[in-house]
Every structure is written in C-alpha cells, then in structure tokens.
Amino acid sequence: MITTSITNNFGTVNLSTGAFTSLGTTEVGSTYEPLQGLGETGGALYGGGGANDDTFYSINTANGALTSIGASSISYAGFGSP
C-alpha cells in the first residue's frame, strides 16, 4: 500500500505489521498540502493538489516526486482516496 500524510511523507505501509517505510516526500505547491483524490490506473499513481493548488499530478512511486500533468477547476478531493 502506498500512502501520503499531512507531513508529506511518502512511502509504503506493511499491511501485516503496520510499519511505515519512507520513500521520499510529496510536496504540493508552496503550502505543502497533502495530495487529494489519489488514484491508480495501469500501475501509475495520480493525485490532485489541495485547496490552494488546482494541478493534477502523476506520482513517482519510487520516491514521491510529482510531475504536473495539467490544471483544472474541479475539486480533486472527490476522486480516488482523499
């Protein structure tokens, strides 16, 4: 399982033990908000910016780095897993 948190840590959670392993950070915009609307398709992970960021991102699952895909006026919190 891949996860982000309010502290922008990005990593994996061992579902048997609950242990978190950090792989990097996922920082959105200048306010460092957590990603919203996380979703996966075809092995790729995507997410949208928080309240102050209208950007849609692809997420590097090895280190949490974000690549901007584009912007939208929709709220990403309604998609995937907020």
PDB file of N, CA and C in Angstrom:
ATOM      1  N   MET A   1       0.845  -1.174   0.000  1.00  0.00           N
ATOM      2  CA  MET A   1       0.000   0.000   0.000  1.00  0.00           C
ATOM      3  C   MET A   1       0.885   1.230   0.000  1.00  0.00           C
ATOM      4  N   ILE A   2       0.568   2.217  -0.827  1.00  0.00           N
ATOM      5  CA  ILE A   2       1.307   3.478  -0.881  1.00  0.00           C
ATOM      6  C   ILE A   2       0.449   4.549  -0.240  1.00  0.00           C
ATOM      7  N   THR A   3       1.073   5.454   0.504  1.00  0.00           N
ATOM      8  CA  THR A   3       0.307   6.450   1.242  1.00  0.00           C
ATOM      9  C   THR A   3       1.029   7.791   1.298  1.00  0.00           C
ATOM     10  N   THR A   4       0.272   8.838   1.540  1.00  0.00           N
ATOM     11  CA  THR A   4       0.844  10.145   1.862  1.00  0.00           C
ATOM     12  C   THR A   4       0.256  10.572   3.193  1.00  0.00           C
ATOM     13  N   SER A   5       0.833  11.568   3.802  1.00  0.00           N
ATOM     14  CA  SER A   5       0.309  12.045   5.074  1.00  0.00           C
ATOM     15  C   SER A   5       0.367  13.558   5.118  1.00  0.00           C
ATOM     16  N   ILE A   6      -0.187  14.133   6.147  1.00  0.00           N
ATOM     17  CA  ILE A   6      -0.197  15.581   6.308  1.00  0.00           C
ATOM     18  C   ILE A   6       1.221  16.132   6.390  1.00  0.00           C
ATOM     19  N   THR A   7       2.182  15.325   6.781  1.00  0.00           N
ATOM     20  CA  THR A   7       3.572  15.771   6.839  1.00  0.00           C
ATOM     21  C   THR A   7       4.294  15.562   5.516  1.00  0.00           C
ATOM     22  N   ASN A   8       3.590  15.133   4.496  1.00  0.00           N
ATOM     23  CA  ASN A   8       4.109  14.930   3.145  1.00  0.00           C
ATOM     24  C   ASN A   8       5.108  13.793   3.026  1.00  0.00           C
ATOM     25  N   ASN A   9       5.172  12.910   4.027  1.00  0.00           N
ATOM     26  CA  ASN A   9       5.978  11.709   3.891  1.00  0.00           C
ATOM     27  C   ASN A   9       5.312  10.811   2.878  1.00  0.00           C
ATOM     28  N   PHE A  10       6.095  10.189   2.029  1.00  0.00           N
ATOM     29  CA  PHE A  10       5.579   9.284   1.014  1.00  0.00           C
ATOM     30  C   PHE A  10       6.271   7.953   1.193  1.00  0.00           C
ATOM     31  N   GLY A  11       5.507   6.872   1.216  1.00  0.00           N
ATOM     32  CA  GLY A  11       6.137   5.580   1.405  1.00  0.00           C
ATOM     33  C   GLY A  11       5.149   4.446   1.362  1.00  0.00           C
ATOM     34  N   THR A  12       5.562   3.337   1.900  1.00  0.00           N
ATOM     35  CA  THR A  12       4.742   2.140   1.910  1.00  0.00           C
ATOM     36  C   THR A  12       4.375   1.771   3.345  1.00  0.00           C
ATOM     37  N   VAL A  13       3.254   1.078   3.477  1.00  0.00           N
ATOM     38  CA  VAL A  13       2.818   0.560   4.775  1.00  0.00           C
ATOM     39  C   VAL A  13       2.731  -0.952   4.662  1.00  0.00           C
ATOM     40  N   ASN A  14       3.402  -1.655   5.559  1.00  0.00           N
ATOM     41  CA  ASN A  14       3.309  -3.095   5.627  1.00  0.00           C
ATOM     42  C   ASN A  14       1.950  -3.419   6.238  1.00  0.00           C
ATOM     43  N   LEU A  15       1.069  -4.027   5.461  1.00  0.00           N
ATOM     44  CA  LEU A  15      -0.296  -4.268   5.928  1.00  0.00           C
ATOM     45  C   LEU A  15      -0.367  -5.337   7.014  1.00  0.00           C
ATOM     46  N   SER A  16       0.672  -6.132   7.183  1.00  0.00           N
ATOM     47  CA  SER A  16       0.697  -7.130   8.250  1.00  0.00           C
ATOM     48  C   SER A  16       1.135  -6.536   9.582  1.00  0.00           C
ATOM     49  N   THR A  17       2.109  -5.615   9.544  1.00  0.00           N
ATOM     50  CA  THR A  17       2.670  -5.084  10.788  1.00  0.00           C
ATOM     51  C   THR A  17       2.294  -3.635  11.058  1.00  0.00           C
ATOM     52  N   GLY A  18       1.873  -2.918  10.027  1.00  0.00           N
ATOM     53  CA  GLY A  18       1.563  -1.504  10.173  1.00  0.00           C
ATOM     54  C   GLY A  18       2.791  -0.603  10.094  1.00  0.00           C
ATOM     55  N   ALA A  19       3.947  -1.186   9.842  1.00  0.00           N
ATOM     56  CA  ALA A  19       5.188  -0.405   9.782  1.00  0.00           C
ATOM     57  C   ALA A  19       5.221   0.450   8.511  1.00  0.00           C
ATOM     58  N   PHE A  20       5.604   1.714   8.682  1.00  0.00           N
ATOM     59  CA  PHE A  20       5.725   2.654   7.567  1.00  0.00           C
ATOM     60  C   PHE A  20       7.183   2.763   7.153  1.00  0.00           C
ATOM     61  N   THR A  21       7.433   2.661   5.846  1.00  0.00           N
ATOM     62  CA  THR A  21       8.775   2.841   5.297  1.00  0.00           C
ATOM     63  C   THR A  21       8.750   4.051   4.384  1.00  0.00           C
ATOM     64  N   SER A  22       9.499   5.091   4.722  1.00  0.00           N
ATOM     65  CA  SER A  22       9.531   6.313   3.929  1.00  0.00           C
ATOM     66  C   SER A  22      10.336   6.090   2.655  1.00  0.00           C
ATOM     67  N   LEU A  23       9.779   6.587   1.520  1.00  0.00           N
ATOM     68  CA  LEU A  23      10.478   6.532   0.236  1.00  0.00           C
ATOM     69  C   LEU A  23      10.880   7.929  -0.230  1.00  0.00           C
ATOM     70  N   GLY A  24      10.318   8.958   0.385  1.00  0.00           N
ATOM     71  CA  GLY A  24      10.602  10.331  -0.003  1.00  0.00           C
ATOM     72  C   GLY A  24       9.503  11.246   0.492  1.00  0.00           C
ATOM     73  N   THR A  25       9.377  12.405  -0.140  1.00  0.00           N
ATOM     74  CA  THR A  25       8.318  13.343   0.220  1.00  0.00           C
ATOM     75  C   THR A  25       7.506  13.708  -1.007  1.00  0.00           C
ATOM     76  N   THR A  26       6.274  14.074  -0.774  1.00  0.00           N
ATOM     77  CA  THR A  26       5.369  14.525  -1.820  1.00  0.00           C
ATOM     78  C   THR A  26       4.860  15.887  -1.405  1.00  0.00           C
ATOM     79  N   GLU A  27       5.401  16.937  -2.010  1.00  0.00           N
ATOM     80  CA  GLU A  27       5.065  18.301  -1.623  1.00  0.00           C
ATOM     81  C   GLU A  27       4.275  18.972  -2.734  1.00  0.00           C
ATOM     82  N   VAL A  28       3.122  19.533  -2.376  1.00  0.00           N
ATOM     83  CA  VAL A  28       2.245  20.192  -3.326  1.00  0.00           C
ATOM     84  C   VAL A  28       2.297  21.692  -3.115  1.00  0.00           C
ATOM     85  N   GLY A  29       2.745  22.415  -4.122  1.00  0.00           N
ATOM     86  CA  GLY A  29       2.726  23.869  -4.069  1.00  0.00           C
ATOM     87  C   GLY A  29       3.579  24.453  -2.963  1.00  0.00           C
ATOM     88  N   SER A  30       3.438  25.756  -2.776  1.00  0.00           N
ATOM     89  CA  SER A  30       4.243  26.449  -1.777  1.00  0.00           C
ATOM     90  C   SER A  30       3.714  26.249  -0.362  1.00  0.00           C
ATOM     91  N   THR A  31       2.484  25.708  -0.217  1.00  0.00           N
ATOM     92  CA  THR A  31       1.921  25.497   1.115  1.00  0.00           C
ATOM     93  C   THR A  31       2.112  24.071   1.601  1.00  0.00           C
ATOM     94  N   TYR A  32       2.698  23.215   0.794  1.00  0.00           N
ATOM     95  CA  TYR A  32       3.000  21.831   1.143  1.00  0.00           C
ATOM     96  C   TYR A  32       1.782  21.078   1.665  1.00  0.00           C
ATOM     97  N   GLU A  33       0.705  21.178   0.923  1.00  0.00           N
ATOM     98  CA  GLU A  33      -0.525  20.469   1.282  1.00  0.00           C
ATOM     99  C   GLU A  33      -0.427  19.017   0.837  1.00  0.00           C
ATOM    100  N   PRO A  34      -1.176  18.132   1.496  1.00  0.00           N
ATOM    101  CA  PRO A  34      -1.203  16.746   1.039  1.00  0.00           C
ATOM    102  C   PRO A  34      -1.965  16.643  -0.281  1.00  0.00           C
ATOM    103  N   LEU A  35      -1.638  15.626  -1.056  1.00  0.00           N
ATOM    104  CA  LEU A  35      -2.375  15.371  -2.286  1.00  0.00           C
ATOM    105  C   LEU A  35      -3.796  14.961  -1.958  1.00  0.00           C
ATOM    106  N   GLN A  36      -4.698  15.194  -2.887  1.00  0.00           N
ATOM    107  CA  GLN A  36      -6.095  14.788  -2.728  1.00  0.00           C
ATOM    108  C   GLN A  36      -6.486  13.924  -3.911  1.00  0.00           C
ATOM    109  N   GLY A  37      -7.477  13.076  -3.695  1.00  0.00           N
ATOM    110  CA  GLY A  37      -8.016  12.262  -4.778  1.00  0.00           C
ATOM    111  C   GLY A  37      -7.014  11.302  -5.369  1.00  0.00           C
ATOM    112  N   LEU A  38      -6.214  10.634  -4.523  1.00  0.00           N
ATOM    113  CA  LEU A  38      -5.244   9.688  -5.039  1.00  0.00           C
ATOM    114  C   LEU A  38      -5.948   8.550  -5.759  1.00  0.00           C
ATOM    115  N   GLY A  39      -5.402   8.162  -6.901  1.00  0.00           N
ATOM    116  CA  GLY A  39      -5.968   7.058  -7.661  1.00  0.00           C
ATOM    117  C   GLY A  39      -4.898   6.375  -8.479  1.00  0.00           C
ATOM    118  N   GLU A  40      -5.148   5.134  -8.846  1.00  0.00           N
ATOM    119  CA  GLU A  40      -4.203   4.331  -9.603  1.00  0.00           C
ATOM    120  C   GLU A  40      -4.896   3.773 -10.828  1.00  0.00           C
ATOM    121  N   THR A  41      -4.194   3.772 -11.931  1.00  0.00           N
ATOM    122  CA  THR A  41      -4.677   3.105 -13.137  1.00  0.00           C
ATOM    123  C   THR A  41      -3.476   2.624 -13.930  1.00  0.00           C
ATOM    124  N   GLY A  42      -3.531   1.384 -14.363  1.00  0.00           N
ATOM    125  CA  GLY A  42      -2.455   0.818 -15.168  1.00  0.00           C
ATOM    126  C   GLY A  42      -1.100   0.841 -14.495  1.00  0.00           C
ATOM    127  N   GLY A  43      -1.064   0.762 -13.168  1.00  0.00           N
ATOM    128  CA  GLY A  43       0.191   0.770 -12.437  1.00  0.00           C
ATOM    129  C   GLY A  43       0.754   2.156 -12.180  1.00  0.00           C
ATOM    130  N   ALA A  44       0.084   3.205 -12.652  1.00  0.00           N
ATOM    131  CA  ALA A  44       0.533   4.575 -12.419  1.00  0.00           C
ATOM    132  C   ALA A  44      -0.339   5.209 -11.340  1.00  0.00           C
ATOM    133  N   LEU A  45       0.263   6.057 -10.503  1.00  0.00           N
ATOM    134  CA  LEU A  45      -0.434   6.715  -9.413  1.00  0.00           C
ATOM    135  C   LEU A  45      -0.610   8.195  -9.742  1.00  0.00           C
ATOM    136  N   TYR A  46      -1.800   8.732  -9.455  1.00  0.00           N
ATOM    137  CA  TYR A  46      -2.130  10.122  -9.756  1.00  0.00           C
ATOM    138  C   TYR A  46      -2.775  10.772  -8.542  1.00  0.00           C
ATOM    139  N   GLY A  47      -2.716  12.098  -8.489  1.00  0.00           N
ATOM    140  CA  GLY A  47      -3.370  12.835  -7.423  1.00  0.00           C
ATOM    141  C   GLY A  47      -3.477  14.299  -7.779  1.00  0.00           C
ATOM    142  N   GLY A  48      -4.397  14.969  -7.108  1.00  0.00           N
ATOM    143  CA  GLY A  48      -4.599  16.389  -7.343  1.00  0.00           C
ATOM    144  C   GLY A  48      -4.109  17.217  -6.185  1.00  0.00           C
ATOM    145  N   GLY A  49      -3.842  18.475  -6.486  1.00  0.00           N
ATOM    146  CA  GLY A  49      -3.394  19.399  -5.458  1.00  0.00           C
ATOM    147  C   GLY A  49      -4.477  19.667  -4.436  1.00  0.00           C
ATOM    148  N   GLY A  50      -4.088  20.281  -3.342  1.00  0.00           N
ATOM    149  CA  GLY A  50      -5.013  20.624  -2.276  1.00  0.00           C
ATOM    150  C   GLY A  50      -5.833  21.855  -2.614  1.00  0.00           C
ATOM    151  N   ALA A  51      -6.381  22.479  -1.598  1.00  0.00           N
ATOM    152  CA  ALA A  51      -7.294  23.613  -1.773  1.00  0.00           C
ATOM    153  C   ALA A  51      -6.657  24.788  -2.499  1.00  0.00           C
ATOM    154  N   ASN A  52      -5.354  24.952  -2.365  1.00  0.00           N
ATOM    155  CA  ASN A  52      -4.669  26.081  -2.991  1.00  0.00           C
ATOM    156  C   ASN A  52      -3.877  25.697  -4.239  1.00  0.00           C
ATOM    157  N   ASP A  53      -4.130  24.527  -4.787  1.00  0.00           N
ATOM    158  CA  ASP A  53      -3.392  24.054  -5.952  1.00  0.00           C
ATOM    159  C   ASP A  53      -4.339  23.285  -6.854  1.00  0.00           C
ATOM    160  N   ASP A  54      -4.563  23.771  -8.075  1.00  0.00           N
ATOM    161  CA  ASP A  54      -5.506  23.129  -8.995  1.00  0.00           C
ATOM    162  C   ASP A  54      -4.810  22.210  -9.989  1.00  0.00           C
ATOM    163  N   THR A  55      -3.596  21.780  -9.684  1.00  0.00           N
ATOM    164  CA  THR A  55      -2.796  20.961 -10.594  1.00  0.00           C
ATOM    165  C   THR A  55      -3.070  19.479 -10.389  1.00  0.00           C
ATOM    166  N   PHE A  56      -3.084  18.732 -11.497  1.00  0.00           N
ATOM    167  CA  PHE A  56      -3.211  17.276 -11.485  1.00  0.00           C
ATOM    168  C   PHE A  56      -1.815  16.705 -11.726  1.00  0.00           C
ATOM    169  N   TYR A  57      -1.407  15.722 -10.914  1.00  0.00           N
ATOM    170  CA  TYR A  57      -0.042  15.211 -10.945  1.00  0.00           C
ATOM    171  C   TYR A  57       0.011  13.703 -11.186  1.00  0.00           C
ATOM    172  N   SER A  58       1.088  13.253 -11.823  1.00  0.00           N
ATOM    173  CA  SER A  58       1.462  11.841 -11.758  1.00  0.00           C
ATOM    174  C   SER A  58       2.501  11.757 -10.641  1.00  0.00           C
ATOM    175  N   ILE A  59       2.521  10.629  -9.942  1.00  0.00           N
ATOM    176  CA  ILE A  59       3.367  10.472  -8.768  1.00  0.00           C
ATOM    177  C   ILE A  59       4.352   9.336  -9.004  1.00  0.00           C
ATOM    178  N   ASN A  60       5.627   9.628  -8.850  1.00  0.00           N
ATOM    179  CA  ASN A  60       6.659   8.613  -8.972  1.00  0.00           C
ATOM    180  C   ASN A  60       6.573   7.725  -7.734  1.00  0.00           C
ATOM    181  N   THR A  61       6.228   6.453  -7.920  1.00  0.00           N
ATOM    182  CA  THR A  61       6.020   5.566  -6.778  1.00  0.00           C
ATOM    183  C   THR A  61       7.326   5.133  -6.111  1.00  0.00           C
ATOM    184  N   ALA A  62       8.465   5.437  -6.724  1.00  0.00           N
ATOM    185  CA  ALA A  62       9.753   5.093  -6.109  1.00  0.00           C
ATOM    186  C   ALA A  62      10.189   6.123  -5.081  1.00  0.00           C
ATOM    187  N   ASN A  63       9.770   7.415  -5.276  1.00  0.00           N
ATOM    188  CA  ASN A  63      10.269   8.449  -4.374  1.00  0.00           C
ATOM    189  C   ASN A  63       9.276   9.562  -4.052  1.00  0.00           C
ATOM    190  N   GLY A  64       8.065   9.517  -4.594  1.00  0.00           N
ATOM    191  CA  GLY A  64       7.047  10.517  -4.293  1.00  0.00           C
ATOM    192  C   GLY A  64       7.130  11.779  -5.119  1.00  0.00           C
ATOM    193  N   ALA A  65       8.095  11.868  -6.024  1.00  0.00           N
ATOM    194  CA  ALA A  65       8.234  13.070  -6.848  1.00  0.00           C
ATOM    195  C   ALA A  65       6.995  13.274  -7.725  1.00  0.00           C
ATOM    196  N   LEU A  66       6.594  14.527  -7.879  1.00  0.00           N
ATOM    197  CA  LEU A  66       5.407  14.868  -8.653  1.00  0.00           C
ATOM    198  C   LEU A  66       5.781  15.407 -10.024  1.00  0.00           C
ATOM    199  N   THR A  67       4.974  15.036 -11.030  1.00  0.00           N
ATOM    200  CA  THR A  67       5.101  15.594 -12.374  1.00  0.00           C
ATOM    201  C   THR A  67       3.757  16.184 -12.726  1.00  0.00           C
ATOM    202  N   SER A  68       3.732  17.472 -13.034  1.00  0.00           N
ATOM    203  CA  SER A  68       2.482  18.152 -13.381  1.00  0.00           C
ATOM    204  C   SER A  68       1.970  17.646 -14.722  1.00  0.00           C
ATOM    205  N   ILE A  69       0.672  17.317 -14.755  1.00  0.00           N
ATOM    206  CA  ILE A  69       0.029  16.904 -15.998  1.00  0.00           C
ATOM    207  C   ILE A  69      -0.784  18.055 -16.560  1.00  0.00           C
ATOM    208  N   GLY A  70      -1.443  18.808 -15.698  1.00  0.00           N
ATOM    209  CA  GLY A  70      -2.262  19.936 -16.125  1.00  0.00           C
ATOM    210  C   GLY A  70      -3.064  20.472 -14.960  1.00  0.00           C
ATOM    211  N   ALA A  71      -3.892  21.469 -15.245  1.00  0.00           N
ATOM    212  CA  ALA A  71      -4.690  22.111 -14.204  1.00  0.00           C
ATOM    213  C   ALA A  71      -6.173  21.999 -14.536  1.00  0.00           C
ATOM    214  N   SER A  72      -6.991  22.107 -13.497  1.00  0.00           N
ATOM    215  CA  SER A  72      -8.439  22.037 -13.655  1.00  0.00           C
ATOM    216  C   SER A  72      -9.102  22.818 -12.534  1.00  0.00           C
ATOM    217  N   SER A  73     -10.335  23.202 -12.751  1.00  0.00           N
ATOM    218  CA  SER A  73     -11.078  23.913 -11.715  1.00  0.00           C
ATOM    219  C   SER A  73     -11.889  22.961 -10.838  1.00  0.00           C
ATOM    220  N   ILE A  74     -11.790  21.643 -11.066  1.00  0.00           N
ATOM    221  CA  ILE A  74     -12.541  20.682 -10.256  1.00  0.00           C
ATOM    222  C   ILE A  74     -11.865  20.468  -8.904  1.00  0.00           C
ATOM    223  N   SER A  75     -12.613  19.929  -7.949  1.00  0.00           N
ATOM    224  CA  SER A  75     -12.054  19.577  -6.655  1.00  0.00           C
ATOM    225  C   SER A  75     -11.599  18.116  -6.717  1.00  0.00           C
ATOM    226  N   TYR A  76     -10.312  17.881  -6.500  1.00  0.00           N
ATOM    227  CA  TYR A  76      -9.772  16.525  -6.591  1.00  0.00           C
ATOM    228  C   TYR A  76     -10.153  15.666  -5.395  1.00  0.00           C
ATOM    229  N   ALA A  77     -10.622  16.264  -4.315  1.00  0.00           N
ATOM    230  CA  ALA A  77     -10.961  15.505  -3.118  1.00  0.00           C
ATOM    231  C   ALA A  77     -12.078  14.497  -3.387  1.00  0.00           C
ATOM    232  N   GLY A  78     -12.895  14.722  -4.402  1.00  0.00           N
ATOM    233  CA  GLY A  78     -13.994  13.822  -4.709  1.00  0.00           C
ATOM    234  C   GLY A  78     -13.602  12.604  -5.511  1.00  0.00           C
ATOM    235  N   PHE A  79     -12.347  12.499  -5.898  1.00  0.00           N
ATOM    236  CA  PHE A  79     -11.874  11.380  -6.693  1.00  0.00           C
ATOM    237  C   PHE A  79     -10.931  10.523  -5.892  1.00  0.00           C
ATOM    238  N   GLY A  80     -10.891   9.244  -6.162  1.00  0.00           N
ATOM    239  CA  GLY A  80      -9.913   8.346  -5.528  1.00  0.00           C
ATOM    240  C   GLY A  80     -10.043   8.343  -4.025  1.00  0.00           C
ATOM    241  N   SER A  81      -8.910   8.408  -3.350  1.00  0.00           N
ATOM    242  CA  SER A  81      -8.842   8.335  -1.897  1.00  0.00           C
ATOM    243  C   SER A  81      -8.261   9.613  -1.342  1.00  0.00           C
ATOM    244  N   PRO A  82      -9.078  10.490  -0.707  1.00  0.00           N
ATOM    245  CA  PRO A  82      -8.543  11.750  -0.186  1.00  0.00           C
ATOM    246  C   PRO A  82      -7.630  11.526   0.995  1.00  0.00           C
TER     247      PRO A  82
END
